[in-house]
Amino acid sequence: MSLRILLTNDDGWAAPGIRALETGLRAAGHEVFTIAPAENQSGASARIGSSGKLTVVAAEGHDNVWAVSGSPADSVIFGLSHVLSETPPDIVVSGANAGANAGQAVHFSGTVGAAVCATSFGVPAIAVSTDLAWDHTAEFADFDTTTRVTVALLGWGSPADLVHEGTVLNVNVPAPDHERTPELVATEADRLPMGRMGYTAGEDDGEFALTFAPGPPAAQGTDTAAVKSGLISLSAVAVTGLLDDSVAAHLQRVASADLSF
């Protein structure tokens, strides 16, 4: 089934993760409209610009690609209200992010924030991330498995089959060099962020830098534990609904699907 897809991210429209997804989704026969920030907007969550104004440029040399001078949520709202106002997308895909978005880190993530925004507008949405190290320079090839997993999930059923109403489907794919053969598993969000975040003093007075350090071990059955062990985590982020037993059963059904990727 060919889908009309609004593709966005928080790393910027030219980042290798979104370029890999765009290539793979189009090769699978989907109609893709890439509407994403002009620059890196990592950590933007679901915020929208305070000025209420955007500059949008059609990316030269690319079909159906727009660079937005705003956040991931701004990009989604622009896409839904302008580019796709007459022909709404079947689903919004946000990613693929360079770095996992698991545990309570989802609340900071622009990747997840874009999907939350879409869901609040009544459009099914998935957030897709690849577990890459913070200091790793992402390349197109890093997202090969992630792209194949995303294409397989979208080919499994309709967006309503894939995404439980009122939630975002949050997909986290393990690092491409993980020794384990990846497989899908239904998880719940870990109760901690992925590591400890803080600001440490820099060399100059008044200067501080955001730093990350390992956190306590993730609880078994959580998204963080799954992706770190080499499994593909499928979890849900509540938007307009509750994470009740029906959501857990839905995730389990998707994770049990016989997919080839």
Protein backbone atom coordinates (compact mmCIF):
# COMPACT_ATOMS: atom_id res chain seq x y z
CA MET A 1 0.00 0.00 0.00
CA SER A 2 1.42 3.35 -1.06
CA LEU A 3 1.18 6.03 1.64
CA ARG A 4 1.31 9.79 1.55
CA ILE A 5 3.98 10.60 4.14
CA LEU A 6 5.03 13.84 5.78
CA LEU A 7 8.66 13.24 6.72
CA THR A 8 10.40 15.47 9.25
CA ASN A 9 13.13 15.37 11.88
CA ASP A 10 15.07 17.52 14.33
CA ASP A 11 18.59 17.12 12.88
CA GLY A 12 17.77 19.23 9.83
CA TRP A 13 16.50 18.48 6.34
CA ALA A 14 19.96 17.62 4.97
CA ALA A 15 20.98 15.27 7.80
CA PRO A 16 21.89 11.72 6.74
CA GLY A 17 19.15 10.10 8.83
CA ILE A 18 16.26 11.84 7.09
CA ARG A 19 17.96 11.53 3.70
CA ALA A 20 18.26 7.75 4.22
CA LEU A 21 14.61 7.44 5.24
CA GLU A 22 13.45 9.58 2.34
CA THR A 23 15.39 7.43 -0.13
CA GLY A 24 14.11 4.18 1.34
CA LEU A 25 10.50 5.27 1.62
CA ARG A 26 10.39 6.55 -1.94
CA ALA A 27 12.03 3.36 -3.21
CA ALA A 28 9.25 1.42 -1.46
CA GLY A 29 6.66 3.33 -3.51
CA HIS A 30 5.50 5.89 -0.95
CA GLU A 31 4.79 9.53 -1.77
CA VAL A 32 7.10 11.48 0.52
CA PHE A 33 7.00 15.17 1.40
CA THR A 34 10.08 16.14 3.40
CA ILE A 35 9.34 19.20 5.51
CA ALA A 36 12.02 19.67 8.14
CA PRO A 37 14.08 22.30 9.96
CA ALA A 38 16.66 24.20 7.96
CA GLU A 39 19.17 23.66 10.76
CA ASN A 40 19.72 21.27 13.66
CA GLN A 41 16.91 21.58 16.20
CA SER A 42 17.84 18.71 18.53
CA GLY A 43 16.28 19.07 21.96
CA ALA A 44 13.46 21.26 20.67
CA SER A 45 10.74 18.96 22.05
CA ALA A 46 7.33 20.07 20.69
CA ARG A 47 7.92 23.81 20.98
CA ILE A 48 6.83 26.25 18.29
CA GLY A 49 8.56 29.49 17.36
CA SER A 50 7.80 32.45 19.60
CA SER A 51 7.79 34.98 16.75
CA GLY A 52 4.96 33.29 14.88
CA LYS A 53 6.82 33.69 11.59
CA LEU A 54 8.71 31.21 9.42
CA THR A 55 10.91 31.37 6.36
CA VAL A 56 10.46 28.32 4.15
CA VAL A 57 12.65 27.46 1.17
CA ALA A 58 12.16 24.67 -1.35
CA ALA A 59 15.45 22.75 -1.30
CA GLU A 60 17.23 23.26 -4.61
CA GLY A 61 17.78 20.08 -6.57
CA HIS A 62 15.29 18.08 -4.50
CA ASP A 63 11.68 17.15 -5.20
CA ASN A 64 9.08 17.85 -2.51
CA VAL A 65 11.63 18.97 0.08
CA TRP A 66 11.20 22.13 2.16
CA ALA A 67 13.62 23.67 4.67
CA VAL A 68 11.83 25.47 7.52
CA SER A 69 13.41 28.15 9.70
CA GLY A 70 11.76 26.75 12.78
CA SER A 71 11.37 23.76 15.03
CA PRO A 72 10.29 20.22 14.12
CA ALA A 73 6.79 21.05 15.37
CA ASP A 74 6.77 24.21 13.25
CA SER A 75 7.68 22.03 10.26
CA VAL A 76 4.79 19.67 10.92
CA ILE A 77 2.29 22.48 11.38
CA PHE A 78 3.50 24.20 8.20
CA GLY A 79 3.24 20.93 6.29
CA LEU A 80 -0.26 20.14 7.50
CA SER A 81 -1.62 23.66 7.05
CA HIS A 82 0.11 24.58 3.80
CA VAL A 83 1.84 21.91 1.72
CA LEU A 84 -0.65 19.13 2.50
CA SER A 85 -3.71 21.14 3.51
CA GLU A 86 -5.84 19.81 0.65
CA THR A 87 -4.49 16.27 0.68
CA PRO A 88 -3.55 15.34 4.28
CA PRO A 89 -0.82 12.78 4.87
CA ASP A 90 -1.68 9.24 5.88
CA ILE A 91 1.07 9.35 8.49
CA VAL A 92 3.88 11.54 9.78
CA VAL A 93 7.30 9.93 10.12
CA SER A 94 9.86 11.78 12.23
CA GLY A 95 13.50 10.76 11.95
CA ALA A 96 15.71 9.01 11.60
CA ASN A 97 17.41 10.60 14.57
CA ALA A 98 21.15 10.26 15.15
CA GLY A 99 20.93 8.88 18.69
CA ALA A 100 18.29 6.93 20.58
CA ASN A 101 15.23 8.66 22.04
CA ALA A 102 14.29 6.42 24.92
CA GLY A 103 13.31 6.68 28.57
CA GLN A 104 12.37 10.11 29.79
CA ALA A 105 14.62 11.64 27.14
CA VAL A 106 11.56 11.58 24.86
CA HIS A 107 10.34 14.73 26.57
CA PHE A 108 13.36 16.69 25.31
CA SER A 109 13.45 15.19 21.83
CA GLY A 110 12.50 17.24 18.79
CA THR A 111 12.13 13.98 16.87
CA VAL A 112 9.47 12.77 19.28
CA GLY A 113 8.08 16.31 19.66
CA ALA A 114 7.30 16.50 15.94
CA ALA A 115 5.40 13.21 16.16
CA VAL A 116 3.55 14.41 19.26
CA CYS A 117 2.55 17.56 17.38
CA ALA A 118 1.20 15.51 14.46
CA THR A 119 -0.76 13.26 16.80
CA SER A 120 -2.33 16.28 18.49
CA PHE A 121 -3.54 17.32 15.03
CA GLY A 122 -5.15 13.92 14.54
CA VAL A 123 -2.53 12.43 12.21
CA PRO A 124 -0.92 9.07 13.09
CA ALA A 125 2.79 9.47 13.71
CA ILE A 126 5.91 7.46 14.42
CA ALA A 127 9.27 8.65 15.75
CA VAL A 128 12.32 6.72 14.55
CA SER A 129 15.80 6.84 16.07
CA THR A 130 19.11 5.00 15.75
CA ASP A 131 21.30 4.43 18.80
CA LEU A 132 24.46 6.29 17.81
CA ALA A 133 27.01 7.70 20.23
CA TRP A 134 26.70 11.37 21.09
CA ASP A 135 30.13 12.16 19.60
CA HIS A 136 29.67 10.00 16.48
CA THR A 137 29.46 11.82 13.15
CA ALA A 138 26.44 10.22 11.50
CA GLU A 139 26.66 8.89 7.96
CA PHE A 140 24.02 7.72 5.49
CA ALA A 141 25.02 4.07 5.96
CA ASP A 142 24.39 4.25 9.73
CA PHE A 143 20.66 4.26 9.01
CA ASP A 144 20.43 1.24 6.71
CA THR A 145 18.77 -1.06 9.27
CA THR A 146 16.61 1.77 10.58
CA THR A 147 15.34 2.52 7.08
CA ARG A 148 14.57 -1.13 6.37
CA VAL A 149 12.73 -1.49 9.69
CA THR A 150 10.68 1.65 9.02
CA VAL A 151 9.74 0.50 5.52
CA ALA A 152 8.76 -2.93 6.86
CA LEU A 153 6.60 -1.45 9.62
CA LEU A 154 4.78 0.87 7.21
CA GLY A 155 4.19 -2.06 4.87
CA TRP A 156 2.73 -4.24 7.60
CA GLY A 157 -0.66 -2.56 7.75
CA SER A 158 -2.48 0.74 7.65
CA PRO A 159 -1.33 3.64 9.86
CA ALA A 160 -4.26 2.83 12.18
CA ASP A 161 -2.99 -0.74 12.46
CA LEU A 162 0.51 0.45 13.26
CA VAL A 163 -0.15 3.34 15.66
CA HIS A 164 -2.55 3.13 18.60
CA GLU A 165 -4.96 6.07 18.62
CA GLY A 166 -3.84 8.94 20.83
CA THR A 167 -0.21 7.81 21.02
CA VAL A 168 3.06 8.08 19.12
CA LEU A 169 4.82 4.88 18.13
CA ASN A 170 8.41 5.39 19.28
CA VAL A 171 10.88 3.17 17.42
CA ASN A 172 14.47 2.85 18.63
CA VAL A 173 16.90 0.81 16.55
CA PRO A 174 20.20 -0.43 18.04
CA ALA A 175 23.60 0.76 16.88
CA PRO A 176 24.47 -0.55 13.41
CA ASP A 177 27.62 -2.27 14.72
CA HIS A 178 25.78 -4.17 17.48
CA GLU A 179 26.69 -7.85 17.40
CA ARG A 180 23.12 -9.04 17.98
CA THR A 181 20.71 -9.64 15.09
CA PRO A 182 17.95 -7.09 15.73
CA GLU A 183 14.36 -8.11 16.30
CA LEU A 184 11.25 -6.23 17.38
CA VAL A 185 10.20 -6.12 21.02
CA ALA A 186 7.38 -4.26 22.78
CA THR A 187 8.66 -2.14 25.65
CA GLU A 188 7.68 0.59 28.04
CA ALA A 189 9.57 3.81 28.63
CA ASP A 190 12.33 3.65 31.20
CA ARG A 191 11.68 5.95 34.15
CA LEU A 192 15.04 7.67 33.74
CA PRO A 193 16.67 9.60 30.88
CA MET A 194 19.35 7.80 28.90
CA GLY A 195 22.21 8.76 31.20
CA ARG A 196 22.80 11.76 33.40
CA MET A 197 22.66 15.24 31.91
CA GLY A 198 24.14 18.33 33.47
CA TYR A 199 26.08 21.50 32.85
CA THR A 200 29.74 21.64 33.80
CA ALA A 201 31.88 24.73 34.11
CA GLY A 202 33.92 25.72 31.06
CA GLU A 203 37.27 27.48 30.84
CA ASP A 204 35.78 30.98 30.90
CA ASP A 205 33.86 32.52 33.79
CA GLY A 206 30.14 32.10 33.34
CA GLU A 207 30.56 29.47 30.63
CA PHE A 208 28.96 26.06 31.04
CA ALA A 209 28.69 23.09 28.68
CA LEU A 210 26.01 20.40 28.51
CA THR A 211 27.55 17.04 29.36
CA PHE A 212 26.32 13.46 29.44
CA ALA A 213 27.42 10.63 31.70
CA PRO A 214 26.26 7.03 32.11
CA GLY A 215 23.22 6.61 34.32
CA PRO A 216 22.04 3.66 36.40
CA PRO A 217 21.24 0.40 34.61
CA ALA A 218 17.94 0.49 32.73
CA ALA A 219 15.15 -1.74 34.03
CA GLN A 220 14.42 -4.88 32.05
CA GLY A 221 11.48 -4.57 29.69
CA THR A 222 12.15 -0.89 29.04
CA ASP A 223 13.05 0.83 25.80
CA THR A 224 16.52 1.78 26.98
CA ALA A 225 17.39 -1.75 28.09
CA ALA A 226 16.08 -3.21 24.84
CA VAL A 227 17.97 -0.95 22.43
CA LYS A 228 21.21 -1.23 24.41
CA SER A 229 20.93 -5.03 24.26
CA GLY A 230 20.54 -4.97 20.48
CA LEU A 231 16.75 -5.17 20.17
CA ILE A 232 14.45 -2.84 18.26
CA SER A 233 12.26 -1.14 20.84
CA LEU A 234 8.62 -0.34 20.09
CA SER A 235 7.13 1.86 22.79
CA ALA A 236 4.29 4.36 23.00
CA VAL A 237 4.26 8.01 24.00
CA ALA A 238 0.88 9.21 25.26
CA VAL A 239 -0.53 12.33 23.62
CA THR A 240 -4.33 12.38 23.78
CA GLY A 241 -4.80 8.93 25.29
CA LEU A 242 -3.60 6.83 28.21
CA LEU A 243 -0.97 4.11 28.20
CA ASP A 244 -3.40 1.40 29.29
CA ASP A 245 -3.57 -2.34 28.66
CA SER A 246 -4.94 -1.82 25.16
CA VAL A 247 -1.80 0.11 24.19
CA ALA A 248 0.43 -2.61 25.62
CA ALA A 249 -1.51 -5.27 23.70
CA HIS A 250 -1.26 -3.21 20.53
CA LEU A 251 2.52 -2.87 20.84
CA GLN A 252 2.83 -6.59 21.44
CA ARG A 253 0.79 -7.31 18.31
CA VAL A 254 3.03 -5.08 16.18
CA ALA A 255 6.19 -6.53 17.70
CA SER A 256 4.94 -10.04 16.91
CA ALA A 257 4.41 -9.24 13.24
CA ASP A 258 6.26 -11.44 10.78
CA LEU A 259 8.39 -8.73 9.17
CA SER A 260 11.40 -9.12 6.94
CA PHE A 261 14.04 -6.41 7.12
